[in-house]
PDB file of N, CA and C in Angstrom:
ATOM      1  N   UNK A   1       0.929  -1.172   0.013  1.00  0.00           N
ATOM      2  CA  UNK A   1       0.026   0.014   0.079  1.00  0.00           C
ATOM      3  C   UNK A   1       0.783   1.211   0.003  1.00  0.00           C
ATOM      4  N   UNK A   2       0.674   1.977  -0.843  1.00  0.00           N
ATOM      5  CA  UNK A   2       1.422   3.260  -1.095  1.00  0.00           C
ATOM      6  C   UNK A   2       0.704   4.509  -0.695  1.00  0.00           C
ATOM      7  N   UNK A   3       0.034   4.592   0.362  1.00  0.00           N
ATOM      8  CA  UNK A   3      -0.705   5.706   0.845  1.00  0.00           C
ATOM      9  C   UNK A   3       0.035   6.567   1.753  1.00  0.00           C
ATOM     10  N   UNK A   4       0.359   7.806   1.545  1.00  0.00           N
ATOM     11  CA  UNK A   4       0.983   8.522   2.539  1.00  0.00           C
ATOM     12  C   UNK A   4       0.337   8.771   3.907  1.00  0.00           C
ATOM     13  N   UNK A   5      -0.904   8.485   3.940  1.00  0.00           N
ATOM     14  CA  UNK A   5      -1.618   8.589   5.134  1.00  0.00           C
ATOM     15  C   UNK A   5      -1.463   7.419   6.136  1.00  0.00           C
ATOM     16  N   UNK A   6      -0.836   6.272   5.549  1.00  0.00           N
ATOM     17  CA  UNK A   6      -0.664   5.119   6.286  1.00  0.00           C
ATOM     18  C   UNK A   6       0.648   5.246   7.096  1.00  0.00           C
ATOM     19  N   UNK A   7       0.536   4.901   8.465  1.00  0.00           N
ATOM     20  CA  UNK A   7       1.666   5.060   9.159  1.00  0.00           C
ATOM     21  C   UNK A   7       2.877   4.092   9.000  1.00  0.00           C
ATOM     22  N   UNK A   8       4.053   4.487   9.473  1.00  0.00           N
ATOM     23  CA  UNK A   8       5.221   3.768   9.356  1.00  0.00           C
ATOM     24  C   UNK A   8       5.107   2.308   9.858  1.00  0.00           C
ATOM     25  N   UNK A   9       4.125   2.306  10.889  1.00  0.00           N
ATOM     26  CA  UNK A   9       3.956   0.806  11.476  1.00  0.00           C
ATOM     27  C   UNK A   9       3.580  -0.249  10.525  1.00  0.00           C
ATOM     28  N   UNK A  10       2.918   0.226   9.375  1.00  0.00           N
ATOM     29  CA  UNK A  10       2.579  -0.807   8.374  1.00  0.00           C
ATOM     30  C   UNK A  10       3.467  -1.158   7.357  1.00  0.00           C
ATOM     31  N   UNK A  11       4.701  -0.615   7.551  1.00  0.00           N
ATOM     32  CA  UNK A  11       5.855  -1.246   6.644  1.00  0.00           C
ATOM     33  C   UNK A  11       5.914  -2.638   6.749  1.00  0.00           C
ATOM     34  N   UNK A  12       5.966  -3.459   5.692  1.00  0.00           N
ATOM     35  CA  UNK A  12       5.893  -4.974   5.787  1.00  0.00           C
ATOM     36  C   UNK A  12       6.972  -5.543   6.989  1.00  0.00           C
ATOM     37  N   UNK A  13       8.268  -4.901   6.927  1.00  0.00           N
ATOM     38  CA  UNK A  13       9.193  -5.522   7.729  1.00  0.00           C
ATOM     39  C   UNK A  13       8.824  -5.251   9.332  1.00  0.00           C
ATOM     40  N   UNK A  14       8.113  -4.232   9.541  1.00  0.00           N
ATOM     41  CA  UNK A  14       7.703  -3.992  10.795  1.00  0.00           C
ATOM     42  C   UNK A  14       6.352  -4.553  11.179  1.00  0.00           C
ATOM     43  N   UNK A  15       5.441  -4.561  10.265  1.00  0.00           N
ATOM     44  CA  UNK A  15       3.950  -5.168  10.573  1.00  0.00           C
ATOM     45  C   UNK A  15       3.835  -6.590  10.360  1.00  0.00           C
ATOM     46  N   UNK A  16       4.748  -7.200   9.646  1.00  0.00           N
ATOM     47  CA  UNK A  16       4.755  -8.583   9.192  1.00  0.00           C
ATOM     48  C   UNK A  16       3.467  -8.799   8.292  1.00  0.00           C
ATOM     49  N   UNK A  17       3.090  -7.720   7.650  1.00  0.00           N
ATOM     50  CA  UNK A  17       1.805  -7.790   6.812  1.00  0.00           C
ATOM     51  C   UNK A  17       2.055  -7.119   5.491  1.00  0.00           C
ATOM     52  N   UNK A  18       1.460  -7.656   4.500  1.00  0.00           N
ATOM     53  CA  UNK A  18       1.409  -6.887   3.159  1.00  0.00           C
ATOM     54  C   UNK A  18      -0.118  -6.592   2.837  1.00  0.00           C
ATOM     55  N   UNK A  19      -0.167  -5.297   2.489  1.00  0.00           N
ATOM     56  CA  UNK A  19      -1.525  -4.739   2.300  1.00  0.00           C
ATOM     57  C   UNK A  19      -1.528  -4.305   0.799  1.00  0.00           C
ATOM     58  N   UNK A  20      -2.747  -4.591   0.071  1.00  0.00           N
ATOM     59  CA  UNK A  20      -2.812  -3.984  -1.272  1.00  0.00           C
ATOM     60  C   UNK A  20      -4.238  -4.135  -1.606  1.00  0.00           C
ATOM     61  N   UNK A  21      -4.710  -3.105  -2.544  1.00  0.00           N
ATOM     62  CA  UNK A  21      -5.993  -3.026  -3.099  1.00  0.00           C
ATOM     63  C   UNK A  21      -6.063  -3.985  -4.194  1.00  0.00           C
ATOM     64  N   UNK A  22      -7.226  -4.732  -4.403  1.00  0.00           N
ATOM     65  CA  UNK A  22      -7.459  -5.688  -5.452  1.00  0.00           C
ATOM     66  C   UNK A  22      -8.811  -5.546  -5.892  1.00  0.00           C
ATOM     67  N   UNK A  23      -9.159  -4.679  -6.784  1.00  0.00           N
ATOM     68  CA  UNK A  23     -10.568  -4.378  -7.168  1.00  0.00           C
ATOM     69  C   UNK A  23     -11.315  -3.726  -6.036  1.00  0.00           C
ATOM     70  N   UNK A  24     -12.448  -4.285  -5.549  1.00  0.00           N
ATOM     71  CA  UNK A  24     -13.093  -3.850  -4.544  1.00  0.00           C
ATOM     72  C   UNK A  24     -12.647  -4.311  -2.945  1.00  0.00           C
ATOM     73  N   UNK A  25     -11.643  -5.152  -3.105  1.00  0.00           N
ATOM     74  CA  UNK A  25     -11.061  -5.809  -2.021  1.00  0.00           C
ATOM     75  C   UNK A  25      -9.828  -5.249  -1.573  1.00  0.00           C
ATOM     76  N   UNK A  26      -9.762  -4.893  -0.303  1.00  0.00           N
ATOM     77  CA  UNK A  26      -8.338  -4.623   0.361  1.00  0.00           C
ATOM     78  C   UNK A  26      -7.950  -6.030   0.819  1.00  0.00           C
ATOM     79  N   UNK A  27      -6.625  -6.376   0.446  1.00  0.00           N
ATOM     80  CA  UNK A  27      -6.221  -7.710   0.983  1.00  0.00           C
ATOM     81  C   UNK A  27      -5.004  -7.428   1.824  1.00  0.00           C
ATOM     82  N   UNK A  28      -5.103  -8.181   3.028  1.00  0.00           N
ATOM     83  CA  UNK A  28      -4.143  -8.093   3.915  1.00  0.00           C
ATOM     84  C   UNK A  28      -3.555  -9.531   3.998  1.00  0.00           C
ATOM     85  N   UNK A  29      -2.220  -9.645   3.805  1.00  0.00           N
ATOM     86  CA  UNK A  29      -1.507 -10.986   3.879  1.00  0.00           C
ATOM     87  C   UNK A  29      -0.511 -10.894   5.123  1.00  0.00           C
ATOM     88  N   UNK A  30      -0.970 -11.830   6.061  1.00  0.00           N
ATOM     89  CA  UNK A  30      -0.120 -11.926   7.294  1.00  0.00           C
ATOM     90  C   UNK A  30       0.839 -12.920   7.260  1.00  0.00           C
ATOM     91  N   UNK A  31       2.052 -12.626   7.870  1.00  0.00           N
ATOM     92  CA  UNK A  31       3.125 -13.518   7.746  1.00  0.00           C
ATOM     93  C   UNK A  31       2.672 -14.732   8.801  1.00  0.00           C
ATOM     94  N   UNK A  32       2.716 -15.904   8.322  1.00  0.00           N
ATOM     95  CA  UNK A  32       2.140 -17.080   9.400  1.00  0.00           C
ATOM     96  C   UNK A  32       3.028 -17.210  10.588  1.00  0.00           C
ATOM     97  N   UNK A  33       4.266 -16.782  10.554  1.00  0.00           N
ATOM     98  CA  UNK A  33       5.018 -16.862  11.558  1.00  0.00           C
ATOM     99  C   UNK A  33       4.732 -15.691  12.750  1.00  0.00           C
ATOM    100  N   UNK A  34       3.712 -14.754  12.471  1.00  0.00           N
ATOM    101  CA  UNK A  34       3.372 -13.776  13.264  1.00  0.00           C
ATOM    102  C   UNK A  34       1.745 -13.805  13.276  1.00  0.00           C
ATOM    103  N   UNK A  35       1.150 -14.764  13.486  1.00  0.00           N
ATOM    104  CA  UNK A  35      -0.373 -14.892  13.227  1.00  0.00           C
ATOM    105  C   UNK A  35      -1.271 -14.080  14.010  1.00  0.00           C
ATOM    106  N   UNK A  36      -0.912 -13.573  15.027  1.00  0.00           N
ATOM    107  CA  UNK A  36      -1.788 -12.710  15.887  1.00  0.00           C
ATOM    108  C   UNK A  36      -1.443 -11.149  15.753  1.00  0.00           C
ATOM    109  N   UNK A  37      -0.425 -10.828  15.007  1.00  0.00           N
ATOM    110  CA  UNK A  37      -0.041  -9.426  15.051  1.00  0.00           C
ATOM    111  C   UNK A  37      -1.118  -8.545  14.511  1.00  0.00           C
ATOM    112  N   UNK A  38      -1.930  -8.961  13.664  1.00  0.00           N
ATOM    113  CA  UNK A  38      -3.062  -8.055  13.157  1.00  0.00           C
ATOM    114  C   UNK A  38      -4.024  -7.724  14.215  1.00  0.00           C
ATOM    115  N   UNK A  39      -4.134  -8.420  15.304  1.00  0.00           N
ATOM    116  CA  UNK A  39      -5.134  -8.204  16.446  1.00  0.00           C
ATOM    117  C   UNK A  39      -4.517  -7.313  17.402  1.00  0.00           C
ATOM    118  N   UNK A  40      -3.231  -6.947  17.145  1.00  0.00           N
ATOM    119  CA  UNK A  40      -2.594  -5.839  18.242  1.00  0.00           C
ATOM    120  C   UNK A  40      -2.740  -4.549  17.603  1.00  0.00           C
ATOM    121  N   UNK A  41      -2.577  -3.606  18.478  1.00  0.00           N
ATOM    122  CA  UNK A  41      -2.430  -2.132  18.017  1.00  0.00           C
ATOM    123  C   UNK A  41      -1.121  -1.668  17.441  1.00  0.00           C
ATOM    124  N   UNK A  42      -1.168  -0.890  16.433  1.00  0.00           N
ATOM    125  CA  UNK A  42      -2.245  -0.135  15.886  1.00  0.00           C
ATOM    126  C   UNK A  42      -2.924  -0.714  14.955  1.00  0.00           C
ATOM    127  N   UNK A  43      -2.609  -2.163  14.556  1.00  0.00           N
ATOM    128  CA  UNK A  43      -3.076  -2.756  13.391  1.00  0.00           C
ATOM    129  C   UNK A  43      -4.598  -3.060  13.547  1.00  0.00           C
ATOM    130  N   UNK A  44      -5.154  -3.464  14.789  1.00  0.00           N
ATOM    131  CA  UNK A  44      -6.487  -3.764  14.898  1.00  0.00           C
ATOM    132  C   UNK A  44      -7.463  -2.670  14.732  1.00  0.00           C
ATOM    133  N   UNK A  45      -7.020  -1.411  15.111  1.00  0.00           N
ATOM    134  CA  UNK A  45      -7.892  -0.253  14.971  1.00  0.00           C
ATOM    135  C   UNK A  45      -7.951   0.230  13.553  1.00  0.00           C
ATOM    136  N   UNK A  46      -6.677   0.033  12.897  1.00  0.00           N
ATOM    137  CA  UNK A  46      -6.499   0.519  11.460  1.00  0.00           C
ATOM    138  C   UNK A  46      -7.373  -0.283  10.690  1.00  0.00           C
ATOM    139  N   UNK A  47      -7.356  -1.530  10.917  1.00  0.00           N
ATOM    140  CA  UNK A  47      -8.117  -2.659  10.077  1.00  0.00           C
ATOM    141  C   UNK A  47      -9.615  -2.346  10.277  1.00  0.00           C
ATOM    142  N   UNK A  48     -10.175  -2.084  11.420  1.00  0.00           N
ATOM    143  CA  UNK A  48     -11.394  -1.742  11.523  1.00  0.00           C
ATOM    144  C   UNK A  48     -11.960  -0.433  10.809  1.00  0.00           C
ATOM    145  N   UNK A  49     -11.036   0.690  10.940  1.00  0.00           N
ATOM    146  CA  UNK A  49     -11.275   1.771  10.216  1.00  0.00           C
ATOM    147  C   UNK A  49     -11.295   1.581   8.729  1.00  0.00           C
ATOM    148  N   UNK A  50     -10.160   0.769   8.242  1.00  0.00           N
ATOM    149  CA  UNK A  50     -10.256   0.527   6.713  1.00  0.00           C
ATOM    150  C   UNK A  50     -11.505  -0.125   6.327  1.00  0.00           C
ATOM    151  N   UNK A  51     -12.037  -1.031   7.227  1.00  0.00           N
ATOM    152  CA  UNK A  51     -13.273  -1.786   6.832  1.00  0.00           C
ATOM    153  C   UNK A  51     -14.390  -0.989   6.805  1.00  0.00           C
ATOM    154  N   UNK A  52     -14.451  -0.103   7.574  1.00  0.00           N
ATOM    155  CA  UNK A  52     -15.578   0.945   7.686  1.00  0.00           C
ATOM    156  C   UNK A  52     -15.467   1.774   6.481  1.00  0.00           C
ATOM    157  N   UNK A  53     -14.382   2.348   6.045  1.00  0.00           N
ATOM    158  CA  UNK A  53     -14.165   3.197   4.858  1.00  0.00           C
ATOM    159  C   UNK A  53     -14.551   2.303   3.736  1.00  0.00           C
ATOM    160  N   UNK A  54     -14.093   1.096   3.575  1.00  0.00           N
ATOM    161  CA  UNK A  54     -14.340   0.202   2.392  1.00  0.00           C
ATOM    162  C   UNK A  54     -15.804  -0.041   2.309  1.00  0.00           C
ATOM    163  N   UNK A  55     -16.483  -0.462   3.337  1.00  0.00           N
ATOM    164  CA  UNK A  55     -17.932  -0.717   3.272  1.00  0.00           C
ATOM    165  C   UNK A  55     -18.781   0.462   2.833  1.00  0.00           C
ATOM    166  N   UNK A  56     -18.321   1.651   3.262  1.00  0.00           N
ATOM    167  CA  UNK A  56     -19.054   2.945   2.740  1.00  0.00           C
ATOM    168  C   UNK A  56     -18.969   2.935   1.135  1.00  0.00           C
ATOM    169  N   UNK A  57     -17.973   2.412   0.698  1.00  0.00           N
ATOM    170  CA  UNK A  57     -17.758   2.465  -0.949  1.00  0.00           C
ATOM    171  C   UNK A  57     -18.329   1.132  -1.511  1.00  0.00           C
ATOM    172  N   UNK A  58     -18.806   0.192  -0.871  1.00  0.00           N
ATOM    173  CA  UNK A  58     -19.245  -1.119  -1.270  1.00  0.00           C
ATOM    174  C   UNK A  58     -18.125  -2.033  -1.487  1.00  0.00           C
ATOM    175  N   UNK A  59     -17.080  -1.723  -0.763  1.00  0.00           N
ATOM    176  CA  UNK A  59     -15.867  -2.664  -0.754  1.00  0.00           C
ATOM    177  C   UNK A  59     -15.726  -3.367   0.479  1.00  0.00           C
ATOM    178  N   UNK A  60     -14.594  -4.084   0.768  1.00  0.00           N
ATOM    179  CA  UNK A  60     -14.439  -4.959   1.949  1.00  0.00           C
ATOM    180  C   UNK A  60     -13.077  -5.213   2.206  1.00  0.00           C
ATOM    181  N   UNK A  61     -12.669  -5.663   3.381  1.00  0.00           N
ATOM    182  CA  UNK A  61     -11.281  -6.020   3.765  1.00  0.00           C
ATOM    183  C   UNK A  61     -11.189  -7.495   4.045  1.00  0.00           C
ATOM    184  N   UNK A  62     -10.162  -8.254   3.465  1.00  0.00           N
ATOM    185  CA  UNK A  62     -10.189  -9.601   3.846  1.00  0.00           C
ATOM    186  C   UNK A  62      -8.545  -9.798   4.051  1.00  0.00           C
ATOM    187  N   UNK A  63      -8.525 -10.600   5.194  1.00  0.00           N
ATOM    188  CA  UNK A  63      -7.169 -10.970   5.768  1.00  0.00           C
ATOM    189  C   UNK A  63      -6.885 -12.415   5.674  1.00  0.00           C
ATOM    190  N   UNK A  64      -5.658 -12.663   5.152  1.00  0.00           N
ATOM    191  CA  UNK A  64      -5.330 -14.101   4.930  1.00  0.00           C
ATOM    192  C   UNK A  64      -4.023 -14.419   5.807  1.00  0.00           C
ATOM    193  N   UNK A  65      -4.042 -15.280   6.623  1.00  0.00           N
ATOM    194  CA  UNK A  65      -2.902 -15.888   7.396  1.00  0.00           C
ATOM    195  C   UNK A  65      -2.795 -17.381   7.412  1.00  0.00           C
ATOM    196  N   UNK A  66      -1.916 -17.972   6.642  1.00  0.00           N
ATOM    197  CA  UNK A  66      -1.720 -19.407   6.392  1.00  0.00           C
ATOM    198  C   UNK A  66      -3.016 -19.803   5.727  1.00  0.00           C
ATOM    199  N   UNK A  67      -3.774 -20.684   6.406  1.00  0.00           N
ATOM    200  CA  UNK A  67      -5.030 -21.390   5.712  1.00  0.00           C
ATOM    201  C   UNK A  67      -6.222 -20.414   6.207  1.00  0.00           C
ATOM    202  N   UNK A  68      -6.046 -19.625   7.163  1.00  0.00           N
ATOM    203  CA  UNK A  68      -7.317 -18.851   7.695  1.00  0.00           C
ATOM    204  C   UNK A  68      -7.656 -17.580   6.824  1.00  0.00           C
ATOM    205  N   UNK A  69      -8.866 -17.296   6.696  1.00  0.00           N
ATOM    206  CA  UNK A  69      -9.281 -16.313   5.947  1.00  0.00           C
ATOM    207  C   UNK A  69     -10.183 -15.419   6.845  1.00  0.00           C
ATOM    208  N   UNK A  70     -10.180 -14.142   7.009  1.00  0.00           N
ATOM    209  CA  UNK A  70     -10.899 -13.375   7.855  1.00  0.00           C
ATOM    210  C   UNK A  70     -11.498 -12.282   7.168  1.00  0.00           C
ATOM    211  N   UNK A  71     -12.855 -11.904   7.169  1.00  0.00           N
ATOM    212  CA  UNK A  71     -13.364 -10.707   6.614  1.00  0.00           C
ATOM    213  C   UNK A  71     -13.356  -9.742   7.806  1.00  0.00           C
ATOM    214  N   UNK A  72     -12.747  -8.599   7.691  1.00  0.00           N
ATOM    215  CA  UNK A  72     -12.636  -7.735   8.671  1.00  0.00           C
ATOM    216  C   UNK A  72     -14.003  -6.814   8.754  1.00  0.00           C
ATOM    217  N   UNK A  73     -14.658  -6.847   9.648  1.00  0.00           N
ATOM    218  CA  UNK A  73     -15.946  -6.287   9.882  1.00  0.00           C
ATOM    219  C   UNK A  73     -15.837  -4.999  10.812  1.00  0.00           C
ATOM    220  N   UNK A  74     -16.335  -3.700  10.223  1.00  0.00           N
ATOM    221  CA  UNK A  74     -15.973  -2.563  10.883  1.00  0.00           C
ATOM    222  C   UNK A  74     -16.665  -2.529  12.293  1.00  0.00           C
ATOM    223  N   UNK A  75     -17.760  -3.164  12.596  1.00  0.00           N
ATOM    224  CA  UNK A  75     -18.333  -3.124  13.936  1.00  0.00           C
ATOM    225  C   UNK A  75     -17.936  -4.054  14.942  1.00  0.00           C
ATOM    226  N   UNK A  76     -16.946  -4.873  14.661  1.00  0.00           N
ATOM    227  CA  UNK A  76     -16.411  -5.839  15.684  1.00  0.00           C
ATOM    228  C   UNK A  76     -15.552  -5.123  16.599  1.00  0.00           C
ATOM    229  N   UNK A  77     -15.765  -5.560  17.946  1.00  0.00           N
ATOM    230  CA  UNK A  77     -15.096  -4.852  18.823  1.00  0.00           C
ATOM    231  C   UNK A  77     -13.953  -5.677  19.428  1.00  0.00           C
ATOM    232  N   UNK A  78     -13.832  -7.074  19.281  1.00  0.00           N
ATOM    233  CA  UNK A  78     -12.968  -8.011  19.654  1.00  0.00           C
ATOM    234  C   UNK A  78     -12.861  -9.108  18.588  1.00  0.00           C
ATOM    235  N   UNK A  79     -11.663  -9.609  18.594  1.00  0.00           N
ATOM    236  CA  UNK A  79     -11.320 -10.740  17.614  1.00  0.00           C
ATOM    237  C   UNK A  79     -11.435 -12.085  18.234  1.00  0.00           C
ATOM    238  N   UNK A  80     -12.123 -12.931  17.530  1.00  0.00           N
ATOM    239  CA  UNK A  80     -12.197 -14.265  18.138  1.00  0.00           C
ATOM    240  C   UNK A  80     -10.922 -15.142  18.032  1.00  0.00           C
TER     241      UNK A  80
END
């Protein structure tokens, strides 16, 4: 993701995630060696904000970690 508004925390070497737009989908690929990093701050809050913004445009956020696939929902307050 090459958005100047995205914080330095999201650099792949720091976040252990790769984020890119794919049509109506924002795709988040999580390094399987760090499977819960996306549930930590600032990532968790950012993902929820991105999901809310995406939903307003008719888009969505999908996260992949190994064999797990999660649709990030804007109203979720805790991750299962």
